[in-house]
Amino acid sequence: MFNLTKLEHTLRLEPHLLTLPLNEAIKGELERLFVDKIIAKLGLCISVYDIESIDGGFIFPNEGAPTYTVKFRLIIFRPFVGEIISARLKESNADGLRCKFVYVSHCD
C-alpha cells in the first residue's frame, strides 16, 4: 500500500530561499512540487522521506537562480490490485474525507 520510491529531479531554487539552509530549502521545494500530487505510474505522493544527494548549484545564463540535481525518496500511496481497505470515517467537509484505517486485506 505504501512504497518508498527513489527519484531524481532537477530543481531551480528561487533566490529568496537561499537564506535558508540548503537541505531545508530543497526539501521545502520538493514538498511543494510533489506532496499531495499523483505521479503517473507511481501513485499519490504522501511525503518526502529523505534527500540522498544534492549536486550542482549552477547558475545558468539568464536564470539568476541556482539549479540543483537532487536524488531523494518519496513515500507513495499505491494500493495493490485487489486490495481492500476498511476504514472508519472521522470527518467530512468540503475538502474531502478523513478516515482512520481499520485493516487492509488482500483478495486472491
C-alpha atoms as a PDB file:
ATOM      1  CA  MET A   1       0.000   0.000   0.000  1.00  0.00           C
ATOM      2  CA  PHE A   2       2.802   2.443   0.888  1.00  0.00           C
ATOM      3  CA  ASN A   3       6.028   2.385  -1.120  1.00  0.00           C
ATOM      4  CA  LEU A   4       9.354   4.135  -0.766  1.00  0.00           C
ATOM      5  CA  THR A   5      10.335   5.398  -4.225  1.00  0.00           C
ATOM      6  CA  LYS A   6      13.669   6.879  -5.288  1.00  0.00           C
ATOM      7  CA  LEU A   7      13.555   9.801  -7.751  1.00  0.00           C
ATOM      8  CA  GLU A   8      15.941  12.276  -9.305  1.00  0.00           C
ATOM      9  CA  HIS A   9      14.809  15.808 -10.164  1.00  0.00           C
ATOM     10  CA  THR A  10      16.465  18.957 -11.493  1.00  0.00           C
ATOM     11  CA  LEU A  11      15.326  21.760  -9.222  1.00  0.00           C
ATOM     12  CA  ARG A  12      15.652  25.516  -9.685  1.00  0.00           C
ATOM     13  CA  LEU A  13      15.895  27.162  -6.277  1.00  0.00           C
ATOM     14  CA  GLU A  14      14.433  30.665  -6.109  1.00  0.00           C
ATOM     15  CA  PRO A  15      16.841  33.331  -4.748  1.00  0.00           C
ATOM     16  CA  HIS A  16      14.624  34.217  -1.752  1.00  0.00           C
ATOM     17  CA  LEU A  17      15.091  30.634  -0.468  1.00  0.00           C
ATOM     18  CA  LEU A  18      18.885  30.957  -0.333  1.00  0.00           C
ATOM     19  CA  THR A  19      18.683  32.462   3.169  1.00  0.00           C
ATOM     20  CA  LEU A  20      17.584  29.028   4.475  1.00  0.00           C
ATOM     21  CA  PRO A  21      19.925  26.050   4.983  1.00  0.00           C
ATOM     22  CA  LEU A  22      20.276  24.255   1.625  1.00  0.00           C
ATOM     23  CA  ASN A  23      18.680  20.936   2.755  1.00  0.00           C
ATOM     24  CA  GLU A  24      15.717  22.740   4.299  1.00  0.00           C
ATOM     25  CA  ALA A  25      15.135  24.941   1.229  1.00  0.00           C
ATOM     26  CA  ILE A  26      15.336  21.998  -1.180  1.00  0.00           C
ATOM     27  CA  LYS A  27      13.091  19.779   0.954  1.00  0.00           C
ATOM     28  CA  GLY A  28      10.501  22.573   1.104  1.00  0.00           C
ATOM     29  CA  GLU A  29      10.554  22.978  -2.680  1.00  0.00           C
ATOM     30  CA  LEU A  30      10.292  19.201  -3.225  1.00  0.00           C
ATOM     31  CA  GLU A  31       7.293  19.068  -0.881  1.00  0.00           C
ATOM     32  CA  ARG A  32       5.679  21.971  -2.725  1.00  0.00           C
ATOM     33  CA  LEU A  33       6.185  20.194  -6.059  1.00  0.00           C
ATOM     34  CA  PHE A  34       5.304  16.592  -5.143  1.00  0.00           C
ATOM     35  CA  VAL A  35       3.264  16.225  -1.908  1.00  0.00           C
ATOM     36  CA  ASP A  36      -0.481  15.648  -2.460  1.00  0.00           C
ATOM     37  CA  LYS A  37       0.083  15.086  -6.173  1.00  0.00           C
ATOM     38  CA  ILE A  38      -0.334  11.924  -8.200  1.00  0.00           C
ATOM     39  CA  ILE A  39       2.768  10.820 -10.108  1.00  0.00           C
ATOM     40  CA  ALA A  40       1.967   8.735 -13.191  1.00  0.00           C
ATOM     41  CA  LYS A  41       2.598   5.007 -12.718  1.00  0.00           C
ATOM     42  CA  LEU A  42       3.742   5.551  -9.106  1.00  0.00           C
ATOM     43  CA  GLY A  43       0.775   6.783  -7.066  1.00  0.00           C
ATOM     44  CA  LEU A  44      -0.121   9.563  -4.635  1.00  0.00           C
ATOM     45  CA  CYS A  45       2.872  11.270  -3.012  1.00  0.00           C
ATOM     46  CA  ILE A  46       2.460  11.433   0.763  1.00  0.00           C
ATOM     47  CA  SER A  47       5.783  12.855   1.955  1.00  0.00           C
ATOM     48  CA  VAL A  48       9.443  13.488   1.144  1.00  0.00           C
ATOM     49  CA  TYR A  49      11.210  10.761   3.138  1.00  0.00           C
ATOM     50  CA  ASP A  50      14.803  11.931   2.754  1.00  0.00           C
ATOM     51  CA  ILE A  51      17.294  13.590   0.427  1.00  0.00           C
ATOM     52  CA  GLU A  52      20.124  11.292  -0.642  1.00  0.00           C
ATOM     53  CA  SER A  53      22.272  13.732  -2.621  1.00  0.00           C
ATOM     54  CA  ILE A  54      22.385  17.297  -3.886  1.00  0.00           C
ATOM     55  CA  ASP A  55      24.633  18.113  -6.859  1.00  0.00           C
ATOM     56  CA  GLY A  56      25.136  21.251  -8.859  1.00  0.00           C
ATOM     57  CA  GLY A  57      24.265  24.721  -7.730  1.00  0.00           C
ATOM     58  CA  PHE A  58      24.989  26.045 -11.204  1.00  0.00           C
ATOM     59  CA  ILE A  59      23.546  29.379 -12.291  1.00  0.00           C
ATOM     60  CA  PHE A  60      22.743  29.169 -15.994  1.00  0.00           C
ATOM     61  CA  PRO A  61      22.873  32.260 -18.232  1.00  0.00           C
ATOM     62  CA  ASN A  62      19.742  34.467 -17.971  1.00  0.00           C
ATOM     63  CA  GLU A  63      18.441  32.451 -14.988  1.00  0.00           C
ATOM     64  CA  GLY A  64      19.573  34.241 -11.826  1.00  0.00           C
ATOM     65  CA  ALA A  65      18.878  31.221  -9.602  1.00  0.00           C
ATOM     66  CA  PRO A  66      20.923  28.086  -8.864  1.00  0.00           C
ATOM     67  CA  THR A  67      19.869  24.761 -10.334  1.00  0.00           C
ATOM     68  CA  TYR A  68      20.483  21.532  -8.401  1.00  0.00           C
ATOM     69  CA  THR A  69      20.158  17.863  -9.296  1.00  0.00           C
ATOM     70  CA  VAL A  70      18.549  16.178  -6.295  1.00  0.00           C
ATOM     71  CA  LYS A  71      18.216  12.452  -5.570  1.00  0.00           C
ATOM     72  CA  PHE A  72      15.544  11.795  -2.956  1.00  0.00           C
ATOM     73  CA  ARG A  73      12.970   9.282  -1.741  1.00  0.00           C
ATOM     74  CA  LEU A  74       9.212   9.772  -1.523  1.00  0.00           C
ATOM     75  CA  ILE A  75       6.567   7.890   0.423  1.00  0.00           C
ATOM     76  CA  ILE A  76       3.955   6.895  -2.163  1.00  0.00           C
ATOM     77  CA  PHE A  77       0.426   5.581  -1.561  1.00  0.00           C
ATOM     78  CA  ARG A  78      -0.410   2.959  -4.174  1.00  0.00           C
ATOM     79  CA  PRO A  79      -2.914   0.240  -3.298  1.00  0.00           C
ATOM     80  CA  PHE A  80      -2.380  -3.130  -4.939  1.00  0.00           C
ATOM     81  CA  VAL A  81      -4.948  -4.549  -7.356  1.00  0.00           C
ATOM     82  CA  GLY A  82      -7.482  -6.466  -5.281  1.00  0.00           C
ATOM     83  CA  GLU A  83      -6.519  -4.781  -2.012  1.00  0.00           C
ATOM     84  CA  ILE A  84      -9.464  -3.948   0.250  1.00  0.00           C
ATOM     85  CA  ILE A  85      -9.039  -1.057   2.656  1.00  0.00           C
ATOM     86  CA  SER A  86     -11.513  -0.802   5.513  1.00  0.00           C
ATOM     87  CA  ALA A  87     -11.706   2.468   7.393  1.00  0.00           C
ATOM     88  CA  ARG A  88     -13.839   4.457   9.825  1.00  0.00           C
ATOM     89  CA  LEU A  89     -14.999   7.903   8.815  1.00  0.00           C
ATOM     90  CA  LYS A  90     -13.585  10.537  11.180  1.00  0.00           C
ATOM     91  CA  GLU A  91     -14.610  13.764   9.450  1.00  0.00           C
ATOM     92  CA  SER A  92     -16.262  15.023   6.267  1.00  0.00           C
ATOM     93  CA  ASN A  93     -16.167  18.564   4.892  1.00  0.00           C
ATOM     94  CA  ALA A  94     -15.907  20.450   1.589  1.00  0.00           C
ATOM     95  CA  ASP A  95     -12.212  19.499   1.294  1.00  0.00           C
ATOM     96  CA  GLY A  96     -12.862  15.760   1.484  1.00  0.00           C
ATOM     97  CA  LEU A  97     -12.923  12.850   3.925  1.00  0.00           C
ATOM     98  CA  ARG A  98     -10.667  11.973   6.864  1.00  0.00           C
ATOM     99  CA  CYS A  99     -10.608   8.290   7.680  1.00  0.00           C
ATOM    100  CA  LYS A 100      -8.909   6.020  10.186  1.00  0.00           C
ATOM    101  CA  PHE A 101      -7.686   2.790   8.617  1.00  0.00           C
ATOM    102  CA  VAL A 102      -9.001  -0.252  10.431  1.00  0.00           C
ATOM    103  CA  TYR A 103      -7.414  -3.041   8.425  1.00  0.00           C
ATOM    104  CA  VAL A 104      -6.177  -3.972   4.975  1.00  0.00           C
ATOM    105  CA  SER A 105      -6.853  -7.313   3.349  1.00  0.00           C
ATOM    106  CA  HIS A 106      -5.933  -8.855   0.037  1.00  0.00           C
ATOM    107  CA  CYS A 107      -8.258 -10.717  -2.329  1.00  0.00           C
ATOM    108  CA  ASP A 108      -6.603 -13.619  -4.071  1.00  0.00           C
END
